[in-house]
Amino acid sequence: MNSNDYVKFITQTFVQYMEQPKSERKKQRIERKQEKAPVLFRWFGIVPYLLFYGMKGTKKRNH
């Protein structure tokens, strides 16, 4: 891909984004945010979840 193609792609993407109503852009931003994995999972994988649910299960058994 040469630089002209790249500039053309970026320009088209930007124009499409700017032509959308502001409410639509805001809705898409919120949807993308909700689809993201939680921070602990992104940074450390599944280990924090295993520890959290393991400790949560032992607390229920003790009471």
Protein backbone atom coordinates (compact mmCIF):
# COMPACT_ATOMS: atom_id res chain seq x y z
CA MET A 1 0.00 0.00 0.00
CA ASN A 2 1.59 3.26 -1.04
CA SER A 3 1.14 6.54 0.79
CA ASN A 4 -1.54 7.86 -1.60
CA ASP A 5 -3.76 4.85 -0.92
CA TYR A 6 -3.28 5.28 2.80
CA VAL A 7 -4.16 8.98 2.71
CA LYS A 8 -7.22 8.19 0.59
CA PHE A 9 -8.36 5.52 3.08
CA ILE A 10 -7.87 7.80 6.08
CA THR A 11 -9.72 10.64 4.34
CA GLN A 12 -12.66 8.42 3.43
CA THR A 13 -12.87 7.06 6.97
CA PHE A 14 -12.77 10.54 8.46
CA VAL A 15 -15.44 11.87 6.08
CA GLN A 16 -17.74 8.92 6.88
CA TYR A 17 -17.26 9.56 10.58
CA MET A 18 -17.99 13.28 10.29
CA GLU A 19 -21.11 12.72 8.16
CA GLN A 20 -22.75 10.66 10.91
CA PRO A 21 -25.01 12.53 13.32
CA LYS A 22 -23.41 13.33 16.66
CA SER A 23 -25.91 11.13 18.51
CA GLU A 24 -24.95 8.13 16.33
CA ARG A 25 -21.24 8.67 16.98
CA LYS A 26 -21.90 8.89 20.73
CA LYS A 27 -23.97 5.69 20.66
CA GLN A 28 -21.20 3.82 18.80
CA ARG A 29 -18.61 5.05 21.30
CA ILE A 30 -20.69 3.77 24.22
CA GLU A 31 -21.20 0.39 22.51
CA ARG A 32 -17.45 0.00 21.90
CA LYS A 33 -16.75 0.84 25.53
CA GLN A 34 -19.22 -1.81 26.75
CA GLU A 35 -17.68 -4.48 24.49
CA LYS A 36 -14.21 -4.05 25.99
CA ALA A 37 -13.01 -6.63 28.47
CA PRO A 38 -12.49 -5.40 32.06
CA VAL A 39 -9.08 -3.92 32.86
CA LEU A 40 -7.90 -6.80 35.07
CA PHE A 41 -8.68 -9.30 32.32
CA ARG A 42 -6.90 -7.24 29.65
CA TRP A 43 -3.80 -6.77 31.80
CA PHE A 44 -3.45 -10.11 33.56
CA GLY A 45 -5.63 -12.60 31.68
CA ILE A 46 -7.97 -14.95 33.48
CA VAL A 47 -5.89 -15.35 36.67
CA PRO A 48 -7.57 -12.48 38.63
CA TYR A 49 -11.00 -13.93 37.85
CA LEU A 50 -10.01 -17.37 39.04
CA LEU A 51 -8.66 -15.94 42.28
CA PHE A 52 -11.68 -13.70 42.80
CA TYR A 53 -14.25 -16.44 42.24
CA GLY A 54 -12.21 -18.93 44.25
CA MET A 55 -12.16 -16.59 47.23
CA LYS A 56 -15.82 -15.74 46.75
CA GLY A 57 -16.72 -19.43 46.90
CA THR A 58 -14.73 -20.04 50.10
CA LYS A 59 -16.44 -17.11 51.85
CA LYS A 60 -19.86 -18.58 51.13
CA ARG A 61 -18.86 -22.00 52.48
CA ASN A 62 -17.45 -20.56 55.72
CA HIS A 63 -20.65 -18.65 56.64
